[in-house]
């Protein structure tokens, strides 16, 4: 059982990095397609996408970063990931626009960095 836990955490961390990359791609595509071409505003700017994304990021980071923190006892992956989740939560509070995109991109980058550090600490 002890050998399975790091394997699961590694997989969840890798999924967290992929989820962060998809979120970053969503932000960039949203800006380019909606602002540049006027396409996809109804779908790409739907507030529910951001709420569900934050929920998924919180769950994935909570499990992976939490298991990692218990295992390796290093605070930085946790601190960086939680700071990123705070930025993502702040993005929901400012409403749609440039500020939301910037806060979200900073947040997902920090969450991905937390996952990567968590992988390296193991």
PDB file of N, CA and C in Angstrom:
ATOM      1  N   UNK A   1       0.818  -1.200   0.000  1.00  0.00           N
ATOM      2  CA  UNK A   1       0.000   0.000   0.000  1.00  0.00           C
ATOM      3  C   UNK A   1       0.862   1.263   0.000  1.00  0.00           C
ATOM      4  N   UNK A   2       1.976   1.229   0.728  1.00  0.00           N
ATOM      5  CA  UNK A   2       2.838   2.406   0.803  1.00  0.00           C
ATOM      6  C   UNK A   2       3.428   2.765  -0.558  1.00  0.00           C
ATOM      7  N   UNK A   3       3.646   1.754  -1.418  1.00  0.00           N
ATOM      8  CA  UNK A   3       4.218   2.039  -2.733  1.00  0.00           C
ATOM      9  C   UNK A   3       3.165   2.535  -3.726  1.00  0.00           C
ATOM     10  N   UNK A   4       1.904   2.296  -3.440  1.00  0.00           N
ATOM     11  CA  UNK A   4       0.834   2.740  -4.331  1.00  0.00           C
ATOM     12  C   UNK A   4       0.555   4.233  -4.154  1.00  0.00           C
ATOM     13  N   UNK A   5       0.644   4.737  -2.920  1.00  0.00           N
ATOM     14  CA  UNK A   5       0.318   6.130  -2.645  1.00  0.00           C
ATOM     15  C   UNK A   5       1.169   7.103  -3.460  1.00  0.00           C
ATOM     16  N   UNK A   6       2.506   6.967  -3.513  1.00  0.00           N
ATOM     17  CA  UNK A   6       3.285   7.882  -4.356  1.00  0.00           C
ATOM     18  C   UNK A   6       2.906   7.776  -5.835  1.00  0.00           C
ATOM     19  N   UNK A   7       2.595   6.589  -6.294  1.00  0.00           N
ATOM     20  CA  UNK A   7       2.205   6.404  -7.692  1.00  0.00           C
ATOM     21  C   UNK A   7       0.913   7.165  -7.988  1.00  0.00           C
ATOM     22  N   UNK A   8      -0.066   7.055  -7.091  1.00  0.00           N
ATOM     23  CA  UNK A   8      -1.343   7.764  -7.271  1.00  0.00           C
ATOM     24  C   UNK A   8      -1.117   9.270  -7.217  1.00  0.00           C
ATOM     25  N   UNK A   9      -0.341   9.728  -6.241  1.00  0.00           N
ATOM     26  CA  UNK A   9      -0.081  11.155  -6.104  1.00  0.00           C
ATOM     27  C   UNK A   9       0.642  11.690  -7.329  1.00  0.00           C
ATOM     28  N   UNK A  10       1.608  10.938  -7.843  1.00  0.00           N
ATOM     29  CA  UNK A  10       2.311  11.359  -9.061  1.00  0.00           C
ATOM     30  C   UNK A  10       1.345  11.519 -10.228  1.00  0.00           C
ATOM     31  N   UNK A  11       0.446  10.557 -10.372  1.00  0.00           N
ATOM     32  CA  UNK A  11      -0.544  10.630 -11.460  1.00  0.00           C
ATOM     33  C   UNK A  11      -1.456  11.846 -11.291  1.00  0.00           C
ATOM     34  N   UNK A  12      -1.889  12.084 -10.059  1.00  0.00           N
ATOM     35  CA  UNK A  12      -2.778  13.226  -9.809  1.00  0.00           C
ATOM     36  C   UNK A  12      -2.028  14.533 -10.032  1.00  0.00           C
ATOM     37  N   UNK A  13      -0.760  14.606  -9.617  1.00  0.00           N
ATOM     38  CA  UNK A  13       0.040  15.810  -9.878  1.00  0.00           C
ATOM     39  C   UNK A  13       0.179  16.053 -11.375  1.00  0.00           C
ATOM     40  N   UNK A  14       0.444  15.006 -12.128  1.00  0.00           N
ATOM     41  CA  UNK A  14       0.574  15.149 -13.581  1.00  0.00           C
ATOM     42  C   UNK A  14      -0.755  15.588 -14.203  1.00  0.00           C
ATOM     43  N   UNK A  15      -1.859  15.045 -13.692  1.00  0.00           N
ATOM     44  CA  UNK A  15      -3.178  15.467 -14.154  1.00  0.00           C
ATOM     45  C   UNK A  15      -3.406  16.937 -13.804  1.00  0.00           C
ATOM     46  N   UNK A  16      -2.950  17.365 -12.630  1.00  0.00           N
ATOM     47  CA  UNK A  16      -3.072  18.767 -12.228  1.00  0.00           C
ATOM     48  C   UNK A  16      -2.316  19.702 -13.144  1.00  0.00           C
ATOM     49  N   UNK A  17      -1.132  19.301 -13.549  1.00  0.00           N
ATOM     50  CA  UNK A  17      -0.353  20.113 -14.494  1.00  0.00           C
ATOM     51  C   UNK A  17      -1.079  20.191 -15.837  1.00  0.00           C
ATOM     52  N   UNK A  18      -1.615  19.060 -16.296  1.00  0.00           N
ATOM     53  CA  UNK A  18      -2.362  19.043 -17.566  1.00  0.00           C
ATOM     54  C   UNK A  18      -3.618  19.908 -17.472  1.00  0.00           C
ATOM     55  N   UNK A  19      -4.315  19.826 -16.339  1.00  0.00           N
ATOM     56  CA  UNK A  19      -5.512  20.640 -16.133  1.00  0.00           C
ATOM     57  C   UNK A  19      -5.164  22.127 -16.138  1.00  0.00           C
ATOM     58  N   UNK A  20      -4.045  22.481 -15.525  1.00  0.00           N
ATOM     59  CA  UNK A  20      -3.598  23.875 -15.529  1.00  0.00           C
ATOM     60  C   UNK A  20      -3.262  24.337 -16.946  1.00  0.00           C
ATOM     61  N   UNK A  21      -2.625  23.472 -17.711  1.00  0.00           N
ATOM     62  CA  UNK A  21      -2.290  23.822 -19.100  1.00  0.00           C
ATOM     63  C   UNK A  21      -3.547  24.018 -19.935  1.00  0.00           C
ATOM     64  N   UNK A  22      -4.539  23.158 -19.726  1.00  0.00           N
ATOM     65  CA  UNK A  22      -5.807  23.325 -20.451  1.00  0.00           C
ATOM     66  C   UNK A  22      -6.499  24.621 -20.070  1.00  0.00           C
ATOM     67  N   UNK A  23      -6.442  24.974 -18.810  1.00  0.00           N
ATOM     68  CA  UNK A  23      -7.048  26.223 -18.364  1.00  0.00           C
ATOM     69  C   UNK A  23      -6.337  27.419 -18.989  1.00  0.00           C
ATOM     70  N   UNK A  24      -5.014  27.361 -19.024  1.00  0.00           N
ATOM     71  CA  UNK A  24      -4.247  28.434 -19.645  1.00  0.00           C
ATOM     72  C   UNK A  24      -4.585  28.554 -21.133  1.00  0.00           C
ATOM     73  N   UNK A  25      -4.697  27.414 -21.798  1.00  0.00           N
ATOM     74  CA  UNK A  25      -5.086  27.396 -23.210  1.00  0.00           C
ATOM     75  C   UNK A  25      -6.484  27.992 -23.395  1.00  0.00           C
ATOM     76  N   UNK A  26      -7.402  27.655 -22.497  1.00  0.00           N
ATOM     77  CA  UNK A  26      -8.764  28.195 -22.535  1.00  0.00           C
ATOM     78  C   UNK A  26      -8.735  29.724 -22.420  1.00  0.00           C
ATOM     79  N   UNK A  27      -7.901  30.239 -21.510  1.00  0.00           N
ATOM     80  CA  UNK A  27      -7.814  31.692 -21.336  1.00  0.00           C
ATOM     81  C   UNK A  27      -7.275  32.378 -22.591  1.00  0.00           C
ATOM     82  N   UNK A  28      -6.215  31.822 -23.137  1.00  0.00           N
ATOM     83  CA  UNK A  28      -5.604  32.425 -24.330  1.00  0.00           C
ATOM     84  C   UNK A  28      -6.551  32.334 -25.521  1.00  0.00           C
ATOM     85  N   UNK A  29      -7.158  31.152 -25.729  1.00  0.00           N
ATOM     86  CA  UNK A  29      -8.116  31.018 -26.831  1.00  0.00           C
ATOM     87  C   UNK A  29      -9.315  31.932 -26.647  1.00  0.00           C
ATOM     88  N   UNK A  30      -9.757  32.064 -25.409  1.00  0.00           N
ATOM     89  CA  UNK A  30     -10.880  32.961 -25.139  1.00  0.00           C
ATOM     90  C   UNK A  30     -10.573  34.384 -25.542  1.00  0.00           C
ATOM     91  N   UNK A  31      -9.389  34.841 -25.191  1.00  0.00           N
ATOM     92  CA  UNK A  31      -8.991  36.208 -25.538  1.00  0.00           C
ATOM     93  C   UNK A  31      -8.864  36.361 -27.045  1.00  0.00           C
ATOM     94  N   UNK A  32      -8.194  35.417 -27.688  1.00  0.00           N
ATOM     95  CA  UNK A  32      -7.958  35.518 -29.136  1.00  0.00           C
ATOM     96  C   UNK A  32      -9.262  35.383 -29.917  1.00  0.00           C
ATOM     97  N   UNK A  33     -10.043  34.358 -29.612  1.00  0.00           N
ATOM     98  CA  UNK A  33     -11.255  34.109 -30.392  1.00  0.00           C
ATOM     99  C   UNK A  33     -12.355  35.131 -30.128  1.00  0.00           C
ATOM    100  N   UNK A  34     -12.544  35.487 -28.872  1.00  0.00           N
ATOM    101  CA  UNK A  34     -13.634  36.411 -28.559  1.00  0.00           C
ATOM    102  C   UNK A  34     -13.249  37.840 -28.885  1.00  0.00           C
ATOM    103  N   UNK A  35     -12.105  38.286 -28.385  1.00  0.00           N
ATOM    104  CA  UNK A  35     -11.708  39.681 -28.613  1.00  0.00           C
ATOM    105  C   UNK A  35     -11.242  39.910 -30.047  1.00  0.00           C
ATOM    106  N   UNK A  36     -10.474  38.970 -30.578  1.00  0.00           N
ATOM    107  CA  UNK A  36      -9.910  39.162 -31.908  1.00  0.00           C
ATOM    108  C   UNK A  36     -10.863  38.865 -33.039  1.00  0.00           C
ATOM    109  N   UNK A  37     -11.632  37.791 -32.892  1.00  0.00           N
ATOM    110  CA  UNK A  37     -12.489  37.360 -33.998  1.00  0.00           C
ATOM    111  C   UNK A  37     -13.987  37.462 -33.704  1.00  0.00           C
ATOM    112  N   UNK A  38     -14.330  37.698 -32.452  1.00  0.00           N
ATOM    113  CA  UNK A  38     -15.748  37.794 -32.086  1.00  0.00           C
ATOM    114  C   UNK A  38     -16.465  36.453 -32.106  1.00  0.00           C
ATOM    115  N   UNK A  39     -15.725  35.357 -31.897  1.00  0.00           N
ATOM    116  CA  UNK A  39     -16.314  34.019 -31.943  1.00  0.00           C
ATOM    117  C   UNK A  39     -16.356  33.366 -30.561  1.00  0.00           C
ATOM    118  N   UNK A  40     -17.375  32.580 -30.300  1.00  0.00           N
ATOM    119  CA  UNK A  40     -17.422  31.718 -29.126  1.00  0.00           C
ATOM    120  C   UNK A  40     -17.625  32.394 -27.797  1.00  0.00           C
ATOM    121  N   UNK A  41     -18.085  33.617 -27.769  1.00  0.00           N
ATOM    122  CA  UNK A  41     -18.246  34.346 -26.514  1.00  0.00           C
ATOM    123  C   UNK A  41     -19.203  33.691 -25.549  1.00  0.00           C
ATOM    124  N   UNK A  42     -20.278  33.117 -26.060  1.00  0.00           N
ATOM    125  CA  UNK A  42     -21.263  32.481 -25.197  1.00  0.00           C
ATOM    126  C   UNK A  42     -20.673  31.286 -24.467  1.00  0.00           C
ATOM    127  N   UNK A  43     -19.897  30.474 -25.149  1.00  0.00           N
ATOM    128  CA  UNK A  43     -19.319  29.277 -24.541  1.00  0.00           C
ATOM    129  C   UNK A  43     -18.040  29.582 -23.766  1.00  0.00           C
ATOM    130  N   UNK A  44     -17.103  30.271 -24.387  1.00  0.00           N
ATOM    131  CA  UNK A  44     -15.794  30.484 -23.772  1.00  0.00           C
ATOM    132  C   UNK A  44     -15.835  31.398 -22.561  1.00  0.00           C
ATOM    133  N   UNK A  45     -16.779  32.320 -22.510  1.00  0.00           N
ATOM    134  CA  UNK A  45     -16.857  33.261 -21.392  1.00  0.00           C
ATOM    135  C   UNK A  45     -17.941  32.898 -20.387  1.00  0.00           C
ATOM    136  N   UNK A  46     -18.480  31.716 -20.475  1.00  0.00           N
ATOM    137  CA  UNK A  46     -19.508  31.280 -19.535  1.00  0.00           C
ATOM    138  C   UNK A  46     -18.916  31.199 -18.130  1.00  0.00           C
ATOM    139  N   UNK A  47     -19.510  31.896 -17.142  1.00  0.00           N
ATOM    140  CA  UNK A  47     -18.971  31.877 -15.775  1.00  0.00           C
ATOM    141  C   UNK A  47     -18.951  30.484 -15.148  1.00  0.00           C
ATOM    142  N   UNK A  48     -19.841  29.604 -15.582  1.00  0.00           N
ATOM    143  CA  UNK A  48     -19.857  28.256 -15.012  1.00  0.00           C
ATOM    144  C   UNK A  48     -18.579  27.489 -15.323  1.00  0.00           C
ATOM    145  N   UNK A  49     -17.981  27.725 -16.475  1.00  0.00           N
ATOM    146  CA  UNK A  49     -16.723  27.060 -16.822  1.00  0.00           C
ATOM    147  C   UNK A  49     -15.658  27.406 -15.793  1.00  0.00           C
ATOM    148  N   UNK A  50     -15.610  28.655 -15.394  1.00  0.00           N
ATOM    149  CA  UNK A  50     -14.602  29.088 -14.431  1.00  0.00           C
ATOM    150  C   UNK A  50     -14.890  28.542 -13.034  1.00  0.00           C
ATOM    151  N   UNK A  51     -16.146  28.487 -12.665  1.00  0.00           N
ATOM    152  CA  UNK A  51     -16.502  27.931 -11.352  1.00  0.00           C
ATOM    153  C   UNK A  51     -16.147  26.446 -11.280  1.00  0.00           C
ATOM    154  N   UNK A  52     -16.516  25.690 -12.313  1.00  0.00           N
ATOM    155  CA  UNK A  52     -16.212  24.258 -12.330  1.00  0.00           C
ATOM    156  C   UNK A  52     -14.707  24.013 -12.433  1.00  0.00           C
ATOM    157  N   UNK A  53     -14.020  24.863 -13.171  1.00  0.00           N
ATOM    158  CA  UNK A  53     -12.566  24.742 -13.275  1.00  0.00           C
ATOM    159  C   UNK A  53     -11.885  24.961 -11.933  1.00  0.00           C
ATOM    160  N   UNK A  54     -12.349  25.969 -11.187  1.00  0.00           N
ATOM    161  CA  UNK A  54     -11.783  26.216  -9.868  1.00  0.00           C
ATOM    162  C   UNK A  54     -12.094  25.063  -8.926  1.00  0.00           C
ATOM    163  N   UNK A  55     -13.290  24.518  -9.017  1.00  0.00           N
ATOM    164  CA  UNK A  55     -13.652  23.368  -8.186  1.00  0.00           C
ATOM    165  C   UNK A  55     -12.756  22.169  -8.501  1.00  0.00           C
ATOM    166  N   UNK A  56     -12.572  21.882  -9.788  1.00  0.00           N
ATOM    167  CA  UNK A  56     -11.708  20.757 -10.191  1.00  0.00           C
ATOM    168  C   UNK A  56     -10.268  20.993  -9.755  1.00  0.00           C
ATOM    169  N   UNK A  57      -9.763  22.205  -9.958  1.00  0.00           N
ATOM    170  CA  UNK A  57      -8.383  22.515  -9.567  1.00  0.00           C
ATOM    171  C   UNK A  57      -8.200  22.382  -8.064  1.00  0.00           C
ATOM    172  N   UNK A  58      -9.190  22.822  -7.291  1.00  0.00           N
ATOM    173  CA  UNK A  58      -9.109  22.727  -5.836  1.00  0.00           C
ATOM    174  C   UNK A  58      -9.094  21.273  -5.383  1.00  0.00           C
ATOM    175  N   UNK A  59      -9.939  20.453  -5.985  1.00  0.00           N
ATOM    176  CA  UNK A  59      -9.983  19.039  -5.595  1.00  0.00           C
ATOM    177  C   UNK A  59      -8.693  18.321  -5.967  1.00  0.00           C
ATOM    178  N   UNK A  60      -8.227  18.516  -7.188  1.00  0.00           N
ATOM    179  CA  UNK A  60      -7.005  17.840  -7.645  1.00  0.00           C
ATOM    180  C   UNK A  60      -5.802  18.311  -6.826  1.00  0.00           C
ATOM    181  N   UNK A  61      -5.670  19.618  -6.643  1.00  0.00           N
ATOM    182  CA  UNK A  61      -4.543  20.141  -5.866  1.00  0.00           C
ATOM    183  C   UNK A  61      -4.643  19.712  -4.409  1.00  0.00           C
ATOM    184  N   UNK A  62      -5.844  19.718  -3.863  1.00  0.00           N
ATOM    185  CA  UNK A  62      -6.004  19.313  -2.466  1.00  0.00           C
ATOM    186  C   UNK A  62      -5.530  17.899  -2.218  1.00  0.00           C
ATOM    187  N   UNK A  63      -5.895  16.989  -3.106  1.00  0.00           N
ATOM    188  CA  UNK A  63      -5.496  15.595  -2.942  1.00  0.00           C
ATOM    189  C   UNK A  63      -4.001  15.423  -3.204  1.00  0.00           C
ATOM    190  N   UNK A  64      -3.530  15.875  -4.356  1.00  0.00           N
ATOM    191  CA  UNK A  64      -2.129  15.644  -4.740  1.00  0.00           C
ATOM    192  C   UNK A  64      -1.162  16.408  -3.844  1.00  0.00           C
ATOM    193  N   UNK A  65      -1.406  17.694  -3.669  1.00  0.00           N
ATOM    194  CA  UNK A  65      -0.499  18.508  -2.864  1.00  0.00           C
ATOM    195  C   UNK A  65      -0.594  18.102  -1.395  1.00  0.00           C
ATOM    196  N   UNK A  66      -1.813  17.780  -0.946  1.00  0.00           N
ATOM    197  CA  UNK A  66      -1.987  17.331   0.435  1.00  0.00           C
ATOM    198  C   UNK A  66      -1.243  16.038   0.726  1.00  0.00           C
ATOM    199  N   UNK A  67      -1.376  15.051  -0.156  1.00  0.00           N
ATOM    200  CA  UNK A  67      -0.647  13.796   0.020  1.00  0.00           C
ATOM    201  C   UNK A  67       0.866  14.026  -0.033  1.00  0.00           C
ATOM    202  N   UNK A  68       1.283  14.888  -0.933  1.00  0.00           N
ATOM    203  CA  UNK A  68       2.709  15.189  -1.038  1.00  0.00           C
ATOM    204  C   UNK A  68       3.241  15.878   0.209  1.00  0.00           C
ATOM    205  N   UNK A  69       2.473  16.826   0.746  1.00  0.00           N
ATOM    206  CA  UNK A  69       2.903  17.539   1.950  1.00  0.00           C
ATOM    207  C   UNK A  69       3.034  16.598   3.139  1.00  0.00           C
ATOM    208  N   UNK A  70       2.113  15.657   3.233  1.00  0.00           N
ATOM    209  CA  UNK A  70       2.193  14.676   4.312  1.00  0.00           C
ATOM    210  C   UNK A  70       3.418  13.796   4.133  1.00  0.00           C
ATOM    211  N   UNK A  71       3.726  13.452   2.907  1.00  0.00           N
ATOM    212  CA  UNK A  71       4.836  12.534   2.636  1.00  0.00           C
ATOM    213  C   UNK A  71       6.206  13.196   2.764  1.00  0.00           C
ATOM    214  N   UNK A  72       6.404  14.340   2.091  1.00  0.00           N
ATOM    215  CA  UNK A  72       7.748  14.920   2.067  1.00  0.00           C
ATOM    216  C   UNK A  72       7.939  16.069   3.049  1.00  0.00           C
ATOM    217  N   UNK A  73       6.890  16.566   3.644  1.00  0.00           N
ATOM    218  CA  UNK A  73       6.947  17.597   4.688  1.00  0.00           C
ATOM    219  C   UNK A  73       7.611  18.906   4.242  1.00  0.00           C
ATOM    220  N   UNK A  74       7.532  19.205   2.973  1.00  0.00           N
ATOM    221  CA  UNK A  74       8.063  20.472   2.476  1.00  0.00           C
ATOM    222  C   UNK A  74       6.896  21.404   2.197  1.00  0.00           C
ATOM    223  N   UNK A  75       6.960  22.645   2.680  1.00  0.00           N
ATOM    224  CA  UNK A  75       5.803  23.536   2.574  1.00  0.00           C
ATOM    225  C   UNK A  75       5.622  24.221   1.220  1.00  0.00           C
ATOM    226  N   UNK A  76       6.687  24.365   0.434  1.00  0.00           N
ATOM    227  CA  UNK A  76       6.607  25.220  -0.754  1.00  0.00           C
ATOM    228  C   UNK A  76       5.613  24.761  -1.811  1.00  0.00           C
ATOM    229  N   UNK A  77       5.506  23.487  -2.126  1.00  0.00           N
ATOM    230  CA  UNK A  77       4.481  23.106  -3.109  1.00  0.00           C
ATOM    231  C   UNK A  77       3.068  23.501  -2.645  1.00  0.00           C
ATOM    232  N   UNK A  78       2.795  23.304  -1.378  1.00  0.00           N
ATOM    233  CA  UNK A  78       1.481  23.652  -0.822  1.00  0.00           C
ATOM    234  C   UNK A  78       1.254  25.163  -0.868  1.00  0.00           C
ATOM    235  N   UNK A  79       2.239  25.926  -0.416  1.00  0.00           N
ATOM    236  CA  UNK A  79       2.110  27.386  -0.370  1.00  0.00           C
ATOM    237  C   UNK A  79       1.905  27.962  -1.772  1.00  0.00           C
ATOM    238  N   UNK A  80       2.695  27.489  -2.724  1.00  0.00           N
ATOM    239  CA  UNK A  80       2.593  28.012  -4.094  1.00  0.00           C
ATOM    240  C   UNK A  80       1.260  27.625  -4.730  1.00  0.00           C
ATOM    241  N   UNK A  81       0.842  26.368  -4.571  1.00  0.00           N
ATOM    242  CA  UNK A  81      -0.427  25.933  -5.160  1.00  0.00           C
ATOM    243  C   UNK A  81      -1.613  26.662  -4.538  1.00  0.00           C
ATOM    244  N   UNK A  82      -1.605  26.850  -3.238  1.00  0.00           N
ATOM    245  CA  UNK A  82      -2.718  27.539  -2.584  1.00  0.00           C
ATOM    246  C   UNK A  82      -2.754  29.024  -2.955  1.00  0.00           C
ATOM    247  N   UNK A  83      -1.586  29.617  -3.166  1.00  0.00           N
ATOM    248  CA  UNK A  83      -1.547  31.000  -3.655  1.00  0.00           C
ATOM    249  C   UNK A  83      -2.176  31.075  -5.046  1.00  0.00           C
ATOM    250  N   UNK A  84      -1.859  30.094  -5.886  1.00  0.00           N
ATOM    251  CA  UNK A  84      -2.460  30.038  -7.222  1.00  0.00           C
ATOM    252  C   UNK A  84      -3.964  29.877  -7.163  1.00  0.00           C
ATOM    253  N   UNK A  85      -4.448  29.009  -6.276  1.00  0.00           N
ATOM    254  CA  UNK A  85      -5.901  28.843  -6.132  1.00  0.00           C
ATOM    255  C   UNK A  85      -6.550  30.129  -5.632  1.00  0.00           C
ATOM    256  N   UNK A  86      -5.838  30.879  -4.810  1.00  0.00           N
ATOM    257  CA  UNK A  86      -6.358  32.168  -4.345  1.00  0.00           C
ATOM    258  C   UNK A  86      -6.490  33.158  -5.498  1.00  0.00           C
ATOM    259  N   UNK A  87      -5.497  33.180  -6.371  1.00  0.00           N
ATOM    260  CA  UNK A  87      -5.587  34.039  -7.564  1.00  0.00           C
ATOM    261  C   UNK A  87      -6.778  33.624  -8.431  1.00  0.00           C
ATOM    262  N   UNK A  88      -6.975  32.316  -8.588  1.00  0.00           N
ATOM    263  CA  UNK A  88      -8.093  31.833  -9.400  1.00  0.00           C
ATOM    264  C   UNK A  88      -9.430  32.219  -8.763  1.00  0.00           C
ATOM    265  N   UNK A  89      -9.519  32.115  -7.446  1.00  0.00           N
ATOM    266  CA  UNK A  89     -10.739  32.548  -6.754  1.00  0.00           C
ATOM    267  C   UNK A  89     -10.959  34.040  -6.900  1.00  0.00           C
ATOM    268  N   UNK A  90      -9.885  34.808  -6.830  1.00  0.00           N
ATOM    269  CA  UNK A  90      -9.984  36.253  -7.035  1.00  0.00           C
ATOM    270  C   UNK A  90     -10.453  36.604  -8.432  1.00  0.00           C
ATOM    271  N   UNK A  91     -10.085  35.788  -9.403  1.00  0.00           N
ATOM    272  CA  UNK A  91     -10.521  36.025 -10.782  1.00  0.00           C
ATOM    273  C   UNK A  91     -12.036  35.906 -10.901  1.00  0.00           C
ATOM    274  N   UNK A  92     -12.632  35.018 -10.130  1.00  0.00           N
ATOM    275  CA  UNK A  92     -14.087  34.890 -10.156  1.00  0.00           C
ATOM    276  C   UNK A  92     -14.765  36.124  -9.577  1.00  0.00           C
ATOM    277  N   UNK A  93     -14.090  36.800  -8.659  1.00  0.00           N
ATOM    278  CA  UNK A  93     -14.679  37.962  -7.990  1.00  0.00           C
ATOM    279  C   UNK A  93     -14.654  39.232  -8.844  1.00  0.00           C
ATOM    280  N   UNK A  94     -13.740  39.325  -9.813  1.00  0.00           N
ATOM    281  CA  UNK A  94     -13.629  40.573 -10.574  1.00  0.00           C
ATOM    282  C   UNK A  94     -14.531  40.619 -11.796  1.00  0.00           C
ATOM    283  N   UNK A  95     -15.138  39.536 -12.159  1.00  0.00           N
ATOM    284  CA  UNK A  95     -15.999  39.544 -13.342  1.00  0.00           C
ATOM    285  C   UNK A  95     -15.194  39.343 -14.608  1.00  0.00           C
ATOM    286  N   UNK A  96     -15.899  39.218 -15.717  1.00  0.00           N
ATOM    287  CA  UNK A  96     -15.232  38.943 -16.989  1.00  0.00           C
ATOM    288  C   UNK A  96     -14.460  40.145 -17.485  1.00  0.00           C
ATOM    289  N   UNK A  97     -13.360  39.842 -18.128  1.00  0.00           N
ATOM    290  CA  UNK A  97     -12.553  40.895 -18.708  1.00  0.00           C
ATOM    291  C   UNK A  97     -11.081  40.570 -18.607  1.00  0.00           C
ATOM    292  N   UNK A  98     -10.282  41.558 -18.899  1.00  0.00           N
ATOM    293  CA  UNK A  98      -8.838  41.399 -18.918  1.00  0.00           C
ATOM    294  C   UNK A  98      -8.287  41.014 -17.547  1.00  0.00           C
ATOM    295  N   UNK A  99      -8.811  41.663 -16.492  1.00  0.00           N
ATOM    296  CA  UNK A  99      -8.335  41.374 -15.133  1.00  0.00           C
ATOM    297  C   UNK A  99      -8.573  39.914 -14.764  1.00  0.00           C
ATOM    298  N   UNK A 100      -9.744  39.395 -15.122  1.00  0.00           N
ATOM    299  CA  UNK A 100     -10.058  38.001 -14.832  1.00  0.00           C
ATOM    300  C   UNK A 100      -9.077  37.068 -15.538  1.00  0.00           C
ATOM    301  N   UNK A 101      -8.798  37.351 -16.790  1.00  0.00           N
ATOM    302  CA  UNK A 101      -7.877  36.498 -17.556  1.00  0.00           C
ATOM    303  C   UNK A 101      -6.480  36.526 -16.953  1.00  0.00           C
ATOM    304  N   UNK A 102      -6.009  37.698 -16.580  1.00  0.00           N
ATOM    305  CA  UNK A 102      -4.665  37.815 -16.005  1.00  0.00           C
ATOM    306  C   UNK A 102      -4.592  37.078 -14.670  1.00  0.00           C
ATOM    307  N   UNK A 103      -5.569  37.298 -13.790  1.00  0.00           N
ATOM    308  CA  UNK A 103      -5.566  36.613 -12.494  1.00  0.00           C
ATOM    309  C   UNK A 103      -5.643  35.096 -12.656  1.00  0.00           C
ATOM    310  N   UNK A 104      -6.455  34.647 -13.597  1.00  0.00           N
ATOM    311  CA  UNK A 104      -6.576  33.210 -13.829  1.00  0.00           C
ATOM    312  C   UNK A 104      -5.278  32.630 -14.361  1.00  0.00           C
ATOM    313  N   UNK A 105      -4.651  33.306 -15.292  1.00  0.00           N
ATOM    314  CA  UNK A 105      -3.396  32.797 -15.860  1.00  0.00           C
ATOM    315  C   UNK A 105      -2.287  32.755 -14.807  1.00  0.00           C
ATOM    316  N   UNK A 106      -2.223  33.772 -13.965  1.00  0.00           N
ATOM    317  CA  UNK A 106      -1.250  33.743 -12.860  1.00  0.00           C
ATOM    318  C   UNK A 106      -1.565  32.572 -11.940  1.00  0.00           C
ATOM    319  N   UNK A 107      -2.845  32.411 -11.617  1.00  0.00           N
ATOM    320  CA  UNK A 107      -3.258  31.338 -10.712  1.00  0.00           C
ATOM    321  C   UNK A 107      -2.939  29.950 -11.229  1.00  0.00           C
ATOM    322  N   UNK A 108      -3.291  29.664 -12.471  1.00  0.00           N
ATOM    323  CA  UNK A 108      -3.044  28.313 -12.991  1.00  0.00           C
ATOM    324  C   UNK A 108      -1.547  28.045 -13.160  1.00  0.00           C
ATOM    325  N   UNK A 109      -0.770  29.083 -13.444  1.00  0.00           N
ATOM    326  CA  UNK A 109       0.675  28.909 -13.526  1.00  0.00           C
ATOM    327  C   UNK A 109       1.246  28.545 -12.157  1.00  0.00           C
ATOM    328  N   UNK A 110       0.778  29.224 -11.117  1.00  0.00           N
ATOM    329  CA  UNK A 110       1.250  28.914  -9.768  1.00  0.00           C
ATOM    330  C   UNK A 110       0.808  27.521  -9.324  1.00  0.00           C
ATOM    331  N   UNK A 111      -0.423  27.143  -9.650  1.00  0.00           N
ATOM    332  CA  UNK A 111      -0.895  25.797  -9.287  1.00  0.00           C
ATOM    333  C   UNK A 111      -0.052  24.740 -10.001  1.00  0.00           C
ATOM    334  N   UNK A 112       0.235  24.946 -11.276  1.00  0.00           N
ATOM    335  CA  UNK A 112       1.079  23.998 -12.012  1.00  0.00           C
ATOM    336  C   UNK A 112       2.477  23.934 -11.401  1.00  0.00           C
ATOM    337  N   UNK A 113       3.018  25.081 -11.002  1.00  0.00           N
ATOM    338  CA  UNK A 113       4.332  25.089 -10.353  1.00  0.00           C
ATOM    339  C   UNK A 113       4.288  24.311  -9.046  1.00  0.00           C
ATOM    340  N   UNK A 114       3.205  24.445  -8.292  1.00  0.00           N
ATOM    341  CA  UNK A 114       3.051  23.680  -7.055  1.00  0.00           C
ATOM    342  C   UNK A 114       3.054  22.184  -7.320  1.00  0.00           C
ATOM    343  N   UNK A 115       2.342  21.759  -8.366  1.00  0.00           N
ATOM    344  CA  UNK A 115       2.322  20.334  -8.736  1.00  0.00           C
ATOM    345  C   UNK A 115       3.710  19.854  -9.155  1.00  0.00           C
ATOM    346  N   UNK A 116       4.408  20.651  -9.939  1.00  0.00           N
ATOM    347  CA  UNK A 116       5.746  20.257 -10.395  1.00  0.00           C
ATOM    348  C   UNK A 116       6.710  20.162  -9.227  1.00  0.00           C
ATOM    349  N   UNK A 117       6.656  21.144  -8.309  1.00  0.00           N
ATOM    350  CA  UNK A 117       7.497  21.054  -7.117  1.00  0.00           C
ATOM    351  C   UNK A 117       7.142  19.844  -6.271  1.00  0.00           C
ATOM    352  N   UNK A 118       5.864  19.537  -6.195  1.00  0.00           N
ATOM    353  CA  UNK A 118       5.415  18.375  -5.436  1.00  0.00           C
ATOM    354  C   UNK A 118       5.981  17.092  -6.029  1.00  0.00           C
ATOM    355  N   UNK A 119       6.023  17.025  -7.356  1.00  0.00           N
ATOM    356  CA  UNK A 119       6.609  15.859  -8.005  1.00  0.00           C
ATOM    357  C   UNK A 119       8.111  15.756  -7.724  1.00  0.00           C
ATOM    358  N   UNK A 120       8.788  16.879  -7.723  1.00  0.00           N
ATOM    359  CA  UNK A 120      10.241  16.884  -7.525  1.00  0.00           C
ATOM    360  C   UNK A 120      10.625  16.596  -6.075  1.00  0.00           C
ATOM    361  N   UNK A 121       9.750  16.931  -5.132  1.00  0.00           N
ATOM    362  CA  UNK A 121      10.053  16.719  -3.715  1.00  0.00           C
ATOM    363  C   UNK A 121       9.915  15.264  -3.311  1.00  0.00           C
ATOM    364  N   UNK A 122       9.195  14.484  -4.097  1.00  0.00           N
ATOM    365  CA  UNK A 122       8.935  13.094  -3.722  1.00  0.00           C
ATOM    366  C   UNK A 122      10.110  12.246  -3.854  1.00  0.00           C
TER     367      UNK A 122
END
